[in-house]
Amino acid sequence: MSARPDLSLLVRELRERLGLTQEKLAAKLGVTFPTVNRWENGRAEPSPLALQQIKELLKGMRRAGADLRRKFFPDNR
């Protein structure tokens, strides 16, 4: 099993590409602002459910999120 790339980078890059604040991304994912802040600062990792929601956001971005999908979810197209 290979190590997953740093999820804090995924969360920050997704948020920046969507043009959202941490608060707005938290609302979109149904979590709290401190949760997103902890993810971005590497103090916690998204739950499996949150990762699924992040993957769906990336799919919705189409080409703009394709590189992140390949990097962070290589097994799932």
PDB file of N, CA and C in Angstrom:
ATOM      1  N   MET A   1       0.855  -1.184   0.000  1.00  0.00           N
ATOM      2  CA  MET A   1       0.000   0.000   0.000  1.00  0.00           C
ATOM      3  C   MET A   1       0.894   1.237   0.000  1.00  0.00           C
ATOM      4  N   SER A   2       0.710   2.116  -0.954  1.00  0.00           N
ATOM      5  CA  SER A   2       1.548   3.318  -1.029  1.00  0.00           C
ATOM      6  C   SER A   2       0.936   4.434  -0.190  1.00  0.00           C
ATOM      7  N   ALA A   3       1.803   5.293   0.285  1.00  0.00           N
ATOM      8  CA  ALA A   3       1.336   6.414   1.111  1.00  0.00           C
ATOM      9  C   ALA A   3       0.606   7.424   0.236  1.00  0.00           C
ATOM     10  N   ARG A   4      -0.457   7.967   0.754  1.00  0.00           N
ATOM     11  CA  ARG A   4      -1.221   8.986   0.047  1.00  0.00           C
ATOM     12  C   ARG A   4      -0.445  10.299   0.148  1.00  0.00           C
ATOM     13  N   PRO A   5      -0.430  11.084  -0.935  1.00  0.00           N
ATOM     14  CA  PRO A   5       0.200  12.406  -0.841  1.00  0.00           C
ATOM     15  C   PRO A   5      -0.460  13.235   0.262  1.00  0.00           C
ATOM     16  N   ASP A   6       0.221  14.247   0.690  1.00  0.00           N
ATOM     17  CA  ASP A   6      -0.212  15.088   1.806  1.00  0.00           C
ATOM     18  C   ASP A   6      -1.611  15.663   1.566  1.00  0.00           C
ATOM     19  N   LEU A   7      -2.576  15.228   2.387  1.00  0.00           N
ATOM     20  CA  LEU A   7      -3.956  15.667   2.208  1.00  0.00           C
ATOM     21  C   LEU A   7      -4.147  17.144   2.513  1.00  0.00           C
ATOM     22  N   SER A   8      -3.270  17.722   3.331  1.00  0.00           N
ATOM     23  CA  SER A   8      -3.395  19.158   3.599  1.00  0.00           C
ATOM     24  C   SER A   8      -3.212  19.954   2.311  1.00  0.00           C
ATOM     25  N   LEU A   9      -2.340  19.470   1.432  1.00  0.00           N
ATOM     26  CA  LEU A   9      -2.145  20.140   0.140  1.00  0.00           C
ATOM     27  C   LEU A   9      -3.383  20.018  -0.734  1.00  0.00           C
ATOM     28  N   LEU A  10      -4.020  18.855  -0.697  1.00  0.00           N
ATOM     29  CA  LEU A  10      -5.247  18.655  -1.462  1.00  0.00           C
ATOM     30  C   LEU A  10      -6.322  19.637  -1.016  1.00  0.00           C
ATOM     31  N   VAL A  11      -6.533  19.736   0.282  1.00  0.00           N
ATOM     32  CA  VAL A  11      -7.600  20.598   0.803  1.00  0.00           C
ATOM     33  C   VAL A  11      -7.318  22.053   0.434  1.00  0.00           C
ATOM     34  N   ARG A  12      -6.093  22.508   0.648  1.00  0.00           N
ATOM     35  CA  ARG A  12      -5.752  23.902   0.350  1.00  0.00           C
ATOM     36  C   ARG A  12      -5.881  24.199  -1.150  1.00  0.00           C
ATOM     37  N   GLU A  13      -5.347  23.302  -1.979  1.00  0.00           N
ATOM     38  CA  GLU A  13      -5.394  23.537  -3.424  1.00  0.00           C
ATOM     39  C   GLU A  13      -6.835  23.525  -3.930  1.00  0.00           C
ATOM     40  N   LEU A  14      -7.643  22.596  -3.458  1.00  0.00           N
ATOM     41  CA  LEU A  14      -9.055  22.549  -3.856  1.00  0.00           C
ATOM     42  C   LEU A  14      -9.740  23.854  -3.474  1.00  0.00           C
ATOM     43  N   ARG A  15      -9.556  24.262  -2.250  1.00  0.00           N
ATOM     44  CA  ARG A  15     -10.210  25.485  -1.759  1.00  0.00           C
ATOM     45  C   ARG A  15      -9.786  26.689  -2.586  1.00  0.00           C
ATOM     46  N   GLU A  16      -8.495  26.806  -2.862  1.00  0.00           N
ATOM     47  CA  GLU A  16      -8.008  27.948  -3.634  1.00  0.00           C
ATOM     48  C   GLU A  16      -8.532  27.926  -5.065  1.00  0.00           C
ATOM     49  N   ARG A  17      -8.552  26.751  -5.679  1.00  0.00           N
ATOM     50  CA  ARG A  17      -9.066  26.656  -7.054  1.00  0.00           C
ATOM     51  C   ARG A  17     -10.549  26.996  -7.131  1.00  0.00           C
ATOM     52  N   LEU A  18     -11.287  26.670  -6.084  1.00  0.00           N
ATOM     53  CA  LEU A  18     -12.712  27.000  -6.061  1.00  0.00           C
ATOM     54  C   LEU A  18     -12.953  28.448  -5.646  1.00  0.00           C
ATOM     55  N   GLY A  19     -11.907  29.125  -5.181  1.00  0.00           N
ATOM     56  CA  GLY A  19     -12.043  30.514  -4.761  1.00  0.00           C
ATOM     57  C   GLY A  19     -12.839  30.665  -3.474  1.00  0.00           C
ATOM     58  N   LEU A  20     -12.704  29.680  -2.585  1.00  0.00           N
ATOM     59  CA  LEU A  20     -13.471  29.675  -1.344  1.00  0.00           C
ATOM     60  C   LEU A  20     -12.584  29.968  -0.134  1.00  0.00           C
ATOM     61  N   THR A  21     -13.183  30.558   0.886  1.00  0.00           N
ATOM     62  CA  THR A  21     -12.514  30.676   2.174  1.00  0.00           C
ATOM     63  C   THR A  21     -12.621  29.333   2.873  1.00  0.00           C
ATOM     64  N   GLN A  22     -11.880  29.169   3.959  1.00  0.00           N
ATOM     65  CA  GLN A  22     -12.011  27.943   4.742  1.00  0.00           C
ATOM     66  C   GLN A  22     -13.435  27.791   5.250  1.00  0.00           C
ATOM     67  N   GLU A  23     -14.044  28.903   5.633  1.00  0.00           N
ATOM     68  CA  GLU A  23     -15.418  28.856   6.135  1.00  0.00           C
ATOM     69  C   GLU A  23     -16.385  28.371   5.064  1.00  0.00           C
ATOM     70  N   LYS A  24     -16.218  28.881   3.844  1.00  0.00           N
ATOM     71  CA  LYS A  24     -17.136  28.498   2.757  1.00  0.00           C
ATOM     72  C   LYS A  24     -16.935  27.039   2.343  1.00  0.00           C
ATOM     73  N   LEU A  25     -15.677  26.586   2.308  1.00  0.00           N
ATOM     74  CA  LEU A  25     -15.439  25.179   1.989  1.00  0.00           C
ATOM     75  C   LEU A  25     -16.037  24.296   3.079  1.00  0.00           C
ATOM     76  N   ALA A  26     -15.877  24.703   4.323  1.00  0.00           N
ATOM     77  CA  ALA A  26     -16.457  23.938   5.434  1.00  0.00           C
ATOM     78  C   ALA A  26     -17.968  23.799   5.259  1.00  0.00           C
ATOM     79  N   ALA A  27     -18.627  24.901   4.924  1.00  0.00           N
ATOM     80  CA  ALA A  27     -20.077  24.868   4.732  1.00  0.00           C
ATOM     81  C   ALA A  27     -20.444  23.940   3.574  1.00  0.00           C
ATOM     82  N   LYS A  28     -19.682  23.984   2.499  1.00  0.00           N
ATOM     83  CA  LYS A  28     -19.954  23.146   1.323  1.00  0.00           C
ATOM     84  C   LYS A  28     -19.819  21.663   1.662  1.00  0.00           C
ATOM     85  N   LEU A  29     -18.869  21.339   2.559  1.00  0.00           N
ATOM     86  CA  LEU A  29     -18.626  19.945   2.926  1.00  0.00           C
ATOM     87  C   LEU A  29     -19.409  19.505   4.154  1.00  0.00           C
ATOM     88  N   GLY A  30     -20.103  20.439   4.801  1.00  0.00           N
ATOM     89  CA  GLY A  30     -20.884  20.095   5.975  1.00  0.00           C
ATOM     90  C   GLY A  30     -20.043  19.841   7.219  1.00  0.00           C
ATOM     91  N   VAL A  31     -18.899  20.534   7.285  1.00  0.00           N
ATOM     92  CA  VAL A  31     -18.042  20.440   8.474  1.00  0.00           C
ATOM     93  C   VAL A  31     -17.840  21.845   9.022  1.00  0.00           C
ATOM     94  N   THR A  32     -17.123  21.946  10.119  1.00  0.00           N
ATOM     95  CA  THR A  32     -16.887  23.259  10.721  1.00  0.00           C
ATOM     96  C   THR A  32     -15.617  23.902  10.172  1.00  0.00           C
ATOM     97  N   PHE A  33     -15.540  25.220  10.332  1.00  0.00           N
ATOM     98  CA  PHE A  33     -14.338  25.943   9.932  1.00  0.00           C
ATOM     99  C   PHE A  33     -13.090  25.381  10.617  1.00  0.00           C
ATOM    100  N   PRO A  34     -13.123  25.149  11.953  1.00  0.00           N
ATOM    101  CA  PRO A  34     -11.910  24.603  12.577  1.00  0.00           C
ATOM    102  C   PRO A  34     -11.473  23.266  11.983  1.00  0.00           C
ATOM    103  N   THR A  35     -12.434  22.481  11.519  1.00  0.00           N
ATOM    104  CA  THR A  35     -12.093  21.201  10.895  1.00  0.00           C
ATOM    105  C   THR A  35     -11.282  21.428   9.631  1.00  0.00           C
ATOM    106  N   VAL A  36     -11.746  22.299   8.754  1.00  0.00           N
ATOM    107  CA  VAL A  36     -11.007  22.595   7.519  1.00  0.00           C
ATOM    108  C   VAL A  36      -9.645  23.189   7.857  1.00  0.00           C
ATOM    109  N   ASN A  37      -9.605  24.048   8.855  1.00  0.00           N
ATOM    110  CA  ASN A  37      -8.340  24.646   9.268  1.00  0.00           C
ATOM    111  C   ASN A  37      -7.356  23.569   9.727  1.00  0.00           C
ATOM    112  N   ARG A  38      -7.823  22.606  10.505  1.00  0.00           N
ATOM    113  CA  ARG A  38      -6.950  21.509  10.953  1.00  0.00           C
ATOM    114  C   ARG A  38      -6.476  20.670   9.775  1.00  0.00           C
ATOM    115  N   TRP A  39      -7.371  20.422   8.806  1.00  0.00           N
ATOM    116  CA  TRP A  39      -6.960  19.666   7.612  1.00  0.00           C
ATOM    117  C   TRP A  39      -5.839  20.396   6.884  1.00  0.00           C
ATOM    118  N   GLU A  40      -6.032  21.685   6.651  1.00  0.00           N
ATOM    119  CA  GLU A  40      -5.050  22.453   5.888  1.00  0.00           C
ATOM    120  C   GLU A  40      -3.720  22.575   6.621  1.00  0.00           C
ATOM    121  N   ASN A  41      -3.752  22.570   7.924  1.00  0.00           N
ATOM    122  CA  ASN A  41      -2.523  22.696   8.706  1.00  0.00           C
ATOM    123  C   ASN A  41      -1.921  21.349   9.073  1.00  0.00           C
ATOM    124  N   GLY A  42      -2.501  20.267   8.548  1.00  0.00           N
ATOM    125  CA  GLY A  42      -1.946  18.942   8.760  1.00  0.00           C
ATOM    126  C   GLY A  42      -2.134  18.389  10.164  1.00  0.00           C
ATOM    127  N   ARG A  43      -3.021  18.965  10.941  1.00  0.00           N
ATOM    128  CA  ARG A  43      -3.268  18.489  12.303  1.00  0.00           C
ATOM    129  C   ARG A  43      -4.342  17.410  12.345  1.00  0.00           C
ATOM    130  N   ALA A  44      -5.038  17.227  11.231  1.00  0.00           N
ATOM    131  CA  ALA A  44      -6.067  16.182  11.125  1.00  0.00           C
ATOM    132  C   ALA A  44      -6.228  15.859   9.639  1.00  0.00           C
ATOM    133  N   GLU A  45      -6.828  14.725   9.367  1.00  0.00           N
ATOM    134  CA  GLU A  45      -7.108  14.332   7.982  1.00  0.00           C
ATOM    135  C   GLU A  45      -8.613  14.210   7.794  1.00  0.00           C
ATOM    136  N   PRO A  46      -9.081  14.494   6.587  1.00  0.00           N
ATOM    137  CA  PRO A  46     -10.510  14.334   6.305  1.00  0.00           C
ATOM    138  C   PRO A  46     -10.956  12.887   6.517  1.00  0.00           C
ATOM    139  N   SER A  47     -12.169  12.734   6.985  1.00  0.00           N
ATOM    140  CA  SER A  47     -12.759  11.404   7.153  1.00  0.00           C
ATOM    141  C   SER A  47     -12.995  10.787   5.772  1.00  0.00           C
ATOM    142  N   PRO A  48     -13.236   9.488   5.724  1.00  0.00           N
ATOM    143  CA  PRO A  48     -13.564   8.868   4.434  1.00  0.00           C
ATOM    144  C   PRO A  48     -14.756   9.543   3.743  1.00  0.00           C
ATOM    145  N   LEU A  49     -15.772   9.933   4.511  1.00  0.00           N
ATOM    146  CA  LEU A  49     -16.932  10.610   3.924  1.00  0.00           C
ATOM    147  C   LEU A  49     -16.518  11.967   3.347  1.00  0.00           C
ATOM    148  N   ALA A  50     -15.723  12.720   4.095  1.00  0.00           N
ATOM    149  CA  ALA A  50     -15.265  14.020   3.604  1.00  0.00           C
ATOM    150  C   ALA A  50     -14.397  13.850   2.360  1.00  0.00           C
ATOM    151  N   LEU A  51     -13.564  12.821   2.337  1.00  0.00           N
ATOM    152  CA  LEU A  51     -12.741  12.577   1.148  1.00  0.00           C
ATOM    153  C   LEU A  51     -13.611  12.260  -0.068  1.00  0.00           C
ATOM    154  N   GLN A  52     -14.686  11.528   0.151  1.00  0.00           N
ATOM    155  CA  GLN A  52     -15.606  11.239  -0.955  1.00  0.00           C
ATOM    156  C   GLN A  52     -16.242  12.530  -1.469  1.00  0.00           C
ATOM    157  N   GLN A  53     -16.621  13.415  -0.555  1.00  0.00           N
ATOM    158  CA  GLN A  53     -17.208  14.695  -0.959  1.00  0.00           C
ATOM    159  C   GLN A  53     -16.173  15.541  -1.708  1.00  0.00           C
ATOM    160  N   ILE A  54     -14.934  15.525  -1.252  1.00  0.00           N
ATOM    161  CA  ILE A  54     -13.859  16.263  -1.925  1.00  0.00           C
ATOM    162  C   ILE A  54     -13.661  15.709  -3.331  1.00  0.00           C
ATOM    163  N   LYS A  55     -13.680  14.390  -3.448  1.00  0.00           N
ATOM    164  CA  LYS A  55     -13.531  13.768  -4.767  1.00  0.00           C
ATOM    165  C   LYS A  55     -14.668  14.177  -5.697  1.00  0.00           C
ATOM    166  N   GLU A  56     -15.886  14.251  -5.171  1.00  0.00           N
ATOM    167  CA  GLU A  56     -17.022  14.682  -5.989  1.00  0.00           C
ATOM    168  C   GLU A  56     -16.865  16.141  -6.428  1.00  0.00           C
ATOM    169  N   LEU A  57     -16.361  16.995  -5.539  1.00  0.00           N
ATOM    170  CA  LEU A  57     -16.103  18.386  -5.927  1.00  0.00           C
ATOM    171  C   LEU A  57     -15.076  18.438  -7.062  1.00  0.00           C
ATOM    172  N   LEU A  58     -14.035  17.623  -6.944  1.00  0.00           N
ATOM    173  CA  LEU A  58     -13.011  17.591  -7.994  1.00  0.00           C
ATOM    174  C   LEU A  58     -13.597  17.115  -9.316  1.00  0.00           C
ATOM    175  N   LYS A  59     -14.465  16.110  -9.262  1.00  0.00           N
ATOM    176  CA  LYS A  59     -15.114  15.631 -10.493  1.00  0.00           C
ATOM    177  C   LYS A  59     -15.932  16.745 -11.130  1.00  0.00           C
ATOM    178  N   GLY A  60     -16.625  17.520 -10.308  1.00  0.00           N
ATOM    179  CA  GLY A  60     -17.431  18.625 -10.813  1.00  0.00           C
ATOM    180  C   GLY A  60     -16.603  19.730 -11.452  1.00  0.00           C
ATOM    181  N   MET A  61     -15.334  19.801 -11.081  1.00  0.00           N
ATOM    182  CA  MET A  61     -14.444  20.814 -11.658  1.00  0.00           C
ATOM    183  C   MET A  61     -13.934  20.394 -13.035  1.00  0.00           C
ATOM    184  N   ARG A  62     -14.161  19.154 -13.401  1.00  0.00           N
ATOM    185  CA  ARG A  62     -13.743  18.601 -14.680  1.00  0.00           C
ATOM    186  C   ARG A  62     -12.240  18.759 -14.872  1.00  0.00           C
ATOM    187  N   ARG A  63     -11.816  19.383 -15.970  1.00  0.00           N
ATOM    188  CA  ARG A  63     -10.380  19.493 -16.266  1.00  0.00           C
ATOM    189  C   ARG A  63      -9.623  20.260 -15.192  1.00  0.00           C
ATOM    190  N   ALA A  64     -10.267  21.244 -14.571  1.00  0.00           N
ATOM    191  CA  ALA A  64      -9.597  22.071 -13.561  1.00  0.00           C
ATOM    192  C   ALA A  64      -9.205  21.263 -12.327  1.00  0.00           C
ATOM    193  N   GLY A  65      -9.863  20.131 -12.109  1.00  0.00           N
ATOM    194  CA  GLY A  65      -9.538  19.304 -10.959  1.00  0.00           C
ATOM    195  C   GLY A  65      -8.924  17.962 -11.314  1.00  0.00           C
ATOM    196  N   ALA A  66      -8.716  17.715 -12.597  1.00  0.00           N
ATOM    197  CA  ALA A  66      -8.243  16.405 -13.052  1.00  0.00           C
ATOM    198  C   ALA A  66      -6.877  16.038 -12.473  1.00  0.00           C
ATOM    199  N   ASP A  67      -5.962  17.001 -12.423  1.00  0.00           N
ATOM    200  CA  ASP A  67      -4.629  16.688 -11.903  1.00  0.00           C
ATOM    201  C   ASP A  67      -4.686  16.309 -10.428  1.00  0.00           C
ATOM    202  N   LEU A  68      -5.534  16.985  -9.664  1.00  0.00           N
ATOM    203  CA  LEU A  68      -5.662  16.653  -8.242  1.00  0.00           C
ATOM    204  C   LEU A  68      -6.321  15.286  -8.068  1.00  0.00           C
ATOM    205  N   ARG A  69      -7.312  14.974  -8.907  1.00  0.00           N
ATOM    206  CA  ARG A  69      -7.937  13.643  -8.838  1.00  0.00           C
ATOM    207  C   ARG A  69      -6.901  12.564  -9.099  1.00  0.00           C
ATOM    208  N   ARG A  70      -6.081  12.743 -10.126  1.00  0.00           N
ATOM    209  CA  ARG A  70      -5.056  11.740 -10.442  1.00  0.00           C
ATOM    210  C   ARG A  70      -4.050  11.598  -9.308  1.00  0.00           C
ATOM    211  N   LYS A  71      -3.644  12.711  -8.714  1.00  0.00           N
ATOM    212  CA  LYS A  71      -2.621  12.681  -7.668  1.00  0.00           C
ATOM    213  C   LYS A  71      -3.137  12.067  -6.366  1.00  0.00           C
ATOM    214  N   PHE A  72      -4.336  12.461  -5.956  1.00  0.00           N
ATOM    215  CA  PHE A  72      -4.827  12.056  -4.649  1.00  0.00           C
ATOM    216  C   PHE A  72      -5.762  10.864  -4.662  1.00  0.00           C
ATOM    217  N   PHE A  73      -6.353  10.555  -5.821  1.00  0.00           N
ATOM    218  CA  PHE A  73      -7.275   9.424  -5.931  1.00  0.00           C
ATOM    219  C   PHE A  73      -6.919   8.594  -7.157  1.00  0.00           C
ATOM    220  N   PRO A  74      -5.691   8.082  -7.232  1.00  0.00           N
ATOM    221  CA  PRO A  74      -5.236   7.402  -8.452  1.00  0.00           C
ATOM    222  C   PRO A  74      -6.008   6.120  -8.778  1.00  0.00           C
ATOM    223  N   ASP A  75      -6.609   5.479  -7.775  1.00  0.00           N
ATOM    224  CA  ASP A  75      -7.325   4.225  -8.005  1.00  0.00           C
ATOM    225  C   ASP A  75      -8.741   4.432  -8.506  1.00  0.00           C
ATOM    226  N   ASN A  76      -9.248   5.665  -8.349  1.00  0.00           N
ATOM    227  CA  ASN A  76     -10.648   5.942  -8.675  1.00  0.00           C
ATOM    228  C   ASN A  76     -10.716   6.972  -9.784  1.00  0.00           C
ATOM    229  N   ARG A  77     -11.318   6.605 -10.871  1.00  0.00           N
ATOM    230  CA  ARG A  77     -11.435   7.530 -12.019  1.00  0.00           C
ATOM    231  C   ARG A  77     -12.755   8.246 -11.974  1.00  0.00           C
TER     232      ARG A  77
END
